[in-house]
Amino acid sequence: MRRESIYKHYIPAINGAPANIEAFWFAFSVSRLLVNDKGPALPLARSLAELGISAVRTQYLGTLEGKPCYSAEISSDIVAPVGMSFRDLRSTFTILEEDLWLLAGRALQIVNWDQTHQYCGRCGEKTETLTEERAKRCPACGFSSYPRLSPAVIFAVFKDDKILLSHNAAFSGKWYSISAGFLEPGETLEDCIRREIKEEVGIEIKNIQYFGSQPWPFPNSLMLGFTADWASGDLVPDGKEISDAGWFTSANMPEVPPKKVSIARDIIDWYLDGKSGNP
């Protein structure tokens, strides 16, 4: 359940990109990642020109197991090279190794940030990319911009030996998951959890405990995982965001999120394993 830190294999950097060395390319066209249709999923090349495509902008990310890594923004009218395709990042869960998928999420957020911060949000002047940190600064008014992170909570609620799972109306399939939501200004993490569960299914909770965290690039979240216990109230789905909810046991589980990478599945598996080990 607990993952090895990506920093055991990945060294982040914004400068010092080695020249003419085979590298991993995280190339995105409208948030879709360029992958090989056969063989190793992520392109390896000395440059995008080797792949027959060009980039609007590129960013150096550092090295993964000693191999340079780059992110790149590709124009939406560029056609993928023969034997390759642009795929939604979620769909690459099953074809990318875990570290590559996590780094792809980092790359996507940096590409989107670079694309949307070419001009100052305060005065409209063209920004300058800093070399000493991942940031942009306005030469006119001095305003600095950094890659955006949006903290969100994701949490499981337990009642006796049951886990609360719900079907979100936005889910494309029939699967159920634990609850989640974004923090609002002025909220603590615990207050956000209490508000979200009350809004979604109308119950009160207690004994909120931290479980773990996960970067989640949809679009730029940091998921902070928790567990909690039911305190009072009956389940009443809001009918808008949540179409159905129920208390489930390990013997009658519905379809749940896939195993790879998802902290939601980590928490569900922890429950299925009898809550063995500390959350």
Protein backbone atom coordinates (compact mmCIF):
# COMPACT_ATOMS: atom_id res chain seq x y z
CA MET A 1 0.00 0.00 0.00
CA ARG A 2 2.71 2.49 0.97
CA ARG A 3 4.67 3.57 -2.09
CA GLU A 4 8.38 4.14 -2.31
CA SER A 5 9.17 7.82 -2.69
CA ILE A 6 9.72 8.92 -6.27
CA TYR A 7 12.71 10.90 -4.97
CA LYS A 8 14.65 7.65 -4.55
CA HIS A 9 14.84 7.58 -8.34
CA TYR A 10 14.04 11.13 -9.45
CA ILE A 11 16.20 14.25 -9.02
CA PRO A 12 14.24 17.42 -9.87
CA ALA A 13 15.97 20.30 -11.63
CA ILE A 14 15.13 23.32 -13.76
CA ASN A 15 18.63 23.98 -15.10
CA GLY A 16 21.57 21.95 -16.28
CA ALA A 17 19.84 20.01 -19.02
CA PRO A 18 22.43 17.73 -20.69
CA ALA A 19 22.84 18.16 -24.44
CA ASN A 20 22.32 15.48 -27.08
CA ILE A 21 21.47 12.69 -24.61
CA GLU A 22 18.55 10.29 -24.91
CA ALA A 23 15.75 11.53 -22.67
CA PHE A 24 12.20 10.82 -21.60
CA TRP A 25 9.74 13.18 -23.32
CA PHE A 26 6.44 14.02 -21.60
CA ALA A 27 4.86 15.75 -24.58
CA PHE A 28 1.28 16.99 -24.20
CA SER A 29 -1.24 18.15 -26.76
CA VAL A 30 -4.32 19.61 -25.04
CA SER A 31 -3.51 17.59 -21.88
CA ARG A 32 -3.06 14.34 -23.86
CA LEU A 33 0.28 12.56 -23.47
CA LEU A 34 2.26 11.27 -26.45
CA VAL A 35 2.91 7.53 -26.04
CA ASN A 36 4.15 4.66 -28.13
CA ASP A 37 1.43 2.29 -29.29
CA LYS A 38 3.81 -0.67 -28.90
CA GLY A 39 6.91 -1.26 -26.82
CA PRO A 40 8.01 1.11 -24.02
CA ALA A 41 5.13 3.53 -23.54
CA LEU A 42 7.02 6.78 -23.14
CA PRO A 43 9.12 8.16 -26.02
CA LEU A 44 12.89 8.15 -25.60
CA ALA A 45 14.79 10.50 -27.89
CA ARG A 46 17.55 13.09 -27.97
CA SER A 47 15.04 15.66 -29.16
CA LEU A 48 11.44 15.96 -30.29
CA ALA A 49 12.78 16.53 -33.79
CA GLU A 50 13.92 12.89 -33.76
CA LEU A 51 10.26 11.97 -33.32
CA GLY A 52 9.22 14.21 -36.19
CA ILE A 53 7.37 16.81 -34.12
CA SER A 54 8.08 20.26 -32.70
CA ALA A 55 7.08 21.93 -29.44
CA VAL A 56 5.58 25.28 -28.57
CA ARG A 57 7.59 25.26 -25.32
CA THR A 58 9.69 22.73 -23.39
CA GLN A 59 10.74 22.50 -19.76
CA TYR A 60 13.56 20.52 -18.18
CA LEU A 61 12.35 18.37 -15.27
CA GLY A 62 15.54 16.74 -13.99
CA THR A 63 16.56 13.08 -14.16
CA LEU A 64 14.80 9.78 -13.49
CA GLU A 65 17.26 6.98 -12.74
CA GLY A 66 19.93 9.13 -14.38
CA LYS A 67 17.97 9.75 -17.58
CA PRO A 68 17.03 13.36 -18.46
CA CYS A 69 13.32 14.21 -18.51
CA TYR A 70 11.51 16.98 -20.36
CA SER A 71 7.95 18.19 -20.54
CA ALA A 72 6.67 19.80 -23.72
CA GLU A 73 3.61 21.64 -24.98
CA ILE A 74 2.61 20.41 -28.45
CA SER A 75 0.29 22.39 -30.71
CA SER A 76 -3.19 20.90 -30.99
CA ASP A 77 -2.91 20.64 -34.77
CA ILE A 78 0.16 18.36 -34.62
CA VAL A 79 -0.54 14.77 -35.66
CA ALA A 80 1.13 12.02 -33.63
CA PRO A 81 3.99 10.25 -35.43
CA VAL A 82 3.35 6.83 -36.95
CA GLY A 83 3.21 4.19 -34.22
CA MET A 84 2.37 6.75 -31.56
CA SER A 85 -0.74 8.47 -30.24
CA PHE A 86 -1.85 11.22 -27.88
CA ARG A 87 -3.75 9.71 -24.96
CA ASP A 88 -5.63 11.10 -22.00
CA LEU A 89 -3.37 10.88 -18.96
CA ARG A 90 -5.89 8.87 -16.95
CA SER A 91 -5.88 6.15 -19.60
CA THR A 92 -2.11 5.71 -19.24
CA PHE A 93 -2.53 4.28 -15.71
CA THR A 94 -2.07 0.78 -17.04
CA ILE A 95 0.77 1.34 -19.52
CA LEU A 96 3.21 3.60 -17.66
CA GLU A 97 5.41 2.49 -14.79
CA GLU A 98 4.39 4.18 -11.54
CA ASP A 99 7.28 6.67 -11.36
CA LEU A 100 6.74 7.64 -15.00
CA TRP A 101 3.02 8.18 -14.40
CA LEU A 102 3.66 10.33 -11.34
CA LEU A 103 6.26 12.32 -13.24
CA ALA A 104 3.82 12.66 -16.16
CA GLY A 105 1.40 14.31 -13.74
CA ARG A 106 4.10 16.72 -12.64
CA ALA A 107 4.96 17.42 -16.28
CA LEU A 108 1.35 18.13 -17.22
CA GLN A 109 0.95 20.64 -14.40
CA ILE A 110 4.17 22.44 -15.37
CA VAL A 111 3.14 22.53 -19.04
CA ASN A 112 -0.25 23.99 -18.14
CA TRP A 113 1.28 26.53 -15.76
CA ASP A 114 3.87 27.63 -18.32
CA GLN A 115 1.17 27.97 -20.99
CA THR A 116 -1.18 30.05 -18.83
CA HIS A 117 1.41 32.34 -17.22
CA GLN A 118 3.09 33.85 -20.26
CA TYR A 119 1.63 37.20 -19.19
CA CYS A 120 1.32 38.80 -15.78
CA GLY A 121 -2.03 38.25 -14.09
CA ARG A 122 -1.73 41.63 -12.37
CA CYS A 123 -0.72 44.04 -15.13
CA GLY A 124 -0.66 42.02 -18.36
CA GLU A 125 3.06 42.46 -19.12
CA LYS A 126 5.02 39.58 -20.69
CA THR A 127 6.56 37.50 -17.90
CA GLU A 128 10.13 36.27 -17.56
CA THR A 129 10.98 32.68 -16.60
CA LEU A 130 13.33 32.54 -13.62
CA THR A 131 16.38 30.32 -13.66
CA GLU A 132 16.88 29.89 -9.91
CA GLU A 133 13.41 28.44 -9.19
CA ARG A 134 10.29 27.25 -10.99
CA ALA A 135 8.61 30.63 -11.23
CA LYS A 136 7.78 33.52 -13.53
CA ARG A 137 8.22 37.17 -12.69
CA CYS A 138 6.77 40.28 -14.22
CA PRO A 139 9.51 42.77 -15.16
CA ALA A 140 7.04 45.64 -14.92
CA CYS A 141 5.34 45.19 -11.56
CA GLY A 142 7.48 42.46 -9.95
CA PHE A 143 4.59 40.01 -9.43
CA SER A 144 5.80 36.37 -9.20
CA SER A 145 3.82 33.29 -10.23
CA TYR A 146 4.48 29.68 -9.22
CA PRO A 147 2.93 26.40 -10.37
CA ARG A 148 -0.48 26.17 -8.77
CA LEU A 149 -1.49 23.42 -6.36
CA SER A 150 -5.10 22.97 -5.21
CA PRO A 151 -5.36 21.02 -1.93
CA ALA A 152 -8.20 18.53 -1.74
CA VAL A 153 -9.30 15.97 0.84
CA ILE A 154 -10.25 12.38 0.11
CA PHE A 155 -11.55 10.27 2.96
CA ALA A 156 -13.24 7.06 3.98
CA VAL A 157 -15.96 6.92 6.63
CA PHE A 158 -16.50 3.71 8.64
CA LYS A 159 -19.53 2.52 10.58
CA ASP A 160 -18.92 -0.63 12.62
CA ASP A 161 -17.34 -2.99 10.05
CA LYS A 162 -18.73 -1.14 7.01
CA ILE A 163 -17.23 1.46 4.68
CA LEU A 164 -19.18 4.29 3.08
CA LEU A 165 -18.92 4.29 -0.71
CA SER A 166 -20.80 6.51 -3.12
CA HIS A 167 -21.40 6.89 -6.83
CA ASN A 168 -20.56 10.34 -8.11
CA ALA A 169 -22.77 11.54 -10.95
CA ALA A 170 -19.61 12.58 -12.82
CA PHE A 171 -18.18 9.04 -12.84
CA SER A 172 -18.12 7.60 -16.35
CA GLY A 173 -18.61 4.01 -15.16
CA LYS A 174 -20.66 2.28 -12.49
CA TRP A 175 -17.94 2.27 -9.87
CA TYR A 176 -18.18 3.62 -6.35
CA SER A 177 -15.50 5.36 -4.32
CA ILE A 178 -14.83 7.24 -1.11
CA SER A 179 -15.65 10.92 -0.67
CA ALA A 180 -13.52 13.85 -1.80
CA GLY A 181 -13.63 17.61 -2.21
CA PHE A 182 -11.58 20.79 -2.53
CA LEU A 183 -10.75 23.08 0.36
CA GLU A 184 -12.45 26.45 0.49
CA PRO A 185 -10.69 29.63 1.69
CA GLY A 186 -10.35 29.75 5.46
CA GLU A 187 -11.06 26.05 6.03
CA THR A 188 -8.98 23.56 7.96
CA LEU A 189 -8.63 20.10 6.44
CA GLU A 190 -10.90 18.71 9.16
CA ASP A 191 -13.57 21.35 8.57
CA CYS A 192 -13.48 20.59 4.85
CA ILE A 193 -14.06 16.89 5.52
CA ARG A 194 -17.00 17.62 7.84
CA ARG A 195 -18.55 20.03 5.33
CA GLU A 196 -18.09 17.73 2.33
CA ILE A 197 -19.65 14.66 3.96
CA LYS A 198 -22.56 16.72 5.30
CA GLU A 199 -23.19 18.23 1.85
CA GLU A 200 -22.85 14.94 -0.01
CA VAL A 201 -24.79 12.48 2.17
CA GLY A 202 -26.04 14.39 5.24
CA ILE A 203 -24.17 12.63 8.07
CA GLU A 204 -21.93 13.75 10.92
CA ILE A 205 -18.49 12.19 11.49
CA LYS A 206 -15.83 11.95 14.21
CA ASN A 207 -12.31 10.61 14.84
CA ILE A 208 -10.73 12.12 11.73
CA GLN A 209 -7.23 10.70 11.16
CA TYR A 210 -4.60 11.40 8.51
CA PHE A 211 -3.86 8.50 6.12
CA GLY A 212 -1.46 9.79 3.44
CA SER A 213 -1.18 12.06 0.42
CA GLN A 214 -0.89 11.87 -3.34
CA PRO A 215 -0.27 14.34 -6.17
CA TRP A 216 -3.22 14.28 -8.55
CA PRO A 217 -2.87 16.21 -11.81
CA PHE A 218 -6.59 16.58 -12.57
CA PRO A 219 -6.04 19.41 -12.96
CA ASN A 220 -3.50 20.39 -10.28
CA SER A 221 -4.49 18.81 -6.98
CA LEU A 222 -2.71 17.52 -3.92
CA MET A 223 -4.95 14.82 -2.47
CA LEU A 224 -4.75 14.55 1.34
CA GLY A 225 -6.20 11.25 2.53
CA PHE A 226 -8.04 10.68 5.81
CA THR A 227 -10.23 8.19 7.63
CA ALA A 228 -13.17 8.97 9.92
CA ASP A 229 -15.97 7.27 11.84
CA TRP A 230 -19.71 7.78 11.49
CA ALA A 231 -21.16 9.81 14.37
CA SER A 232 -24.84 10.34 13.53
CA GLY A 233 -27.41 10.69 10.77
CA ASP A 234 -28.87 8.67 7.91
CA LEU A 235 -27.43 8.59 4.41
CA VAL A 236 -29.23 11.05 2.16
CA PRO A 237 -27.35 11.55 -1.16
CA ASP A 238 -27.64 15.11 -2.41
CA GLY A 239 -28.96 13.89 -5.79
CA LYS A 240 -26.71 16.30 -7.68
CA GLU A 241 -23.08 15.39 -7.07
CA ILE A 242 -23.85 12.05 -5.41
CA SER A 243 -26.42 9.83 -7.08
CA ASP A 244 -26.16 6.88 -4.68
CA ALA A 245 -24.38 5.95 -1.45
CA GLY A 246 -24.34 3.02 0.92
CA TRP A 247 -22.52 1.14 3.67
CA PHE A 248 -20.60 -1.81 2.27
CA THR A 249 -18.69 -4.75 3.74
CA SER A 250 -15.80 -6.67 2.26
CA ALA A 251 -18.33 -9.33 1.23
CA ASN A 252 -20.53 -7.04 -0.90
CA MET A 253 -18.16 -4.49 -2.42
CA PRO A 254 -19.25 -2.70 -5.59
CA GLU A 255 -16.88 -1.89 -8.43
CA VAL A 256 -14.17 0.43 -7.05
CA PRO A 257 -11.32 2.54 -8.54
CA PRO A 258 -8.39 0.67 -10.11
CA LYS A 259 -5.43 -0.32 -7.95
CA LYS A 260 -2.59 1.50 -9.65
CA VAL A 261 -1.64 4.93 -8.26
CA SER A 262 -5.02 5.83 -6.72
CA ILE A 263 -4.99 6.82 -3.04
CA ALA A 264 -8.73 6.11 -3.01
CA ARG A 265 -7.94 2.49 -3.76
CA ASP A 266 -5.12 2.50 -1.18
CA ILE A 267 -7.61 3.44 1.54
CA ILE A 268 -10.20 0.93 0.31
CA ASP A 269 -7.58 -1.84 0.23
CA TRP A 270 -6.48 -0.91 3.75
CA TYR A 271 -10.07 -1.49 4.84
CA LEU A 272 -10.31 -4.77 2.90
CA ASP A 273 -7.08 -5.94 4.56
CA GLY A 274 -8.73 -5.50 7.96
CA LYS A 275 -7.22 -2.05 8.55
CA SER A 276 -3.89 -3.74 9.18
CA GLY A 277 -1.06 -1.34 9.99
CA ASN A 278 -1.37 2.31 10.87
CA PRO A 279 -3.43 4.51 8.51
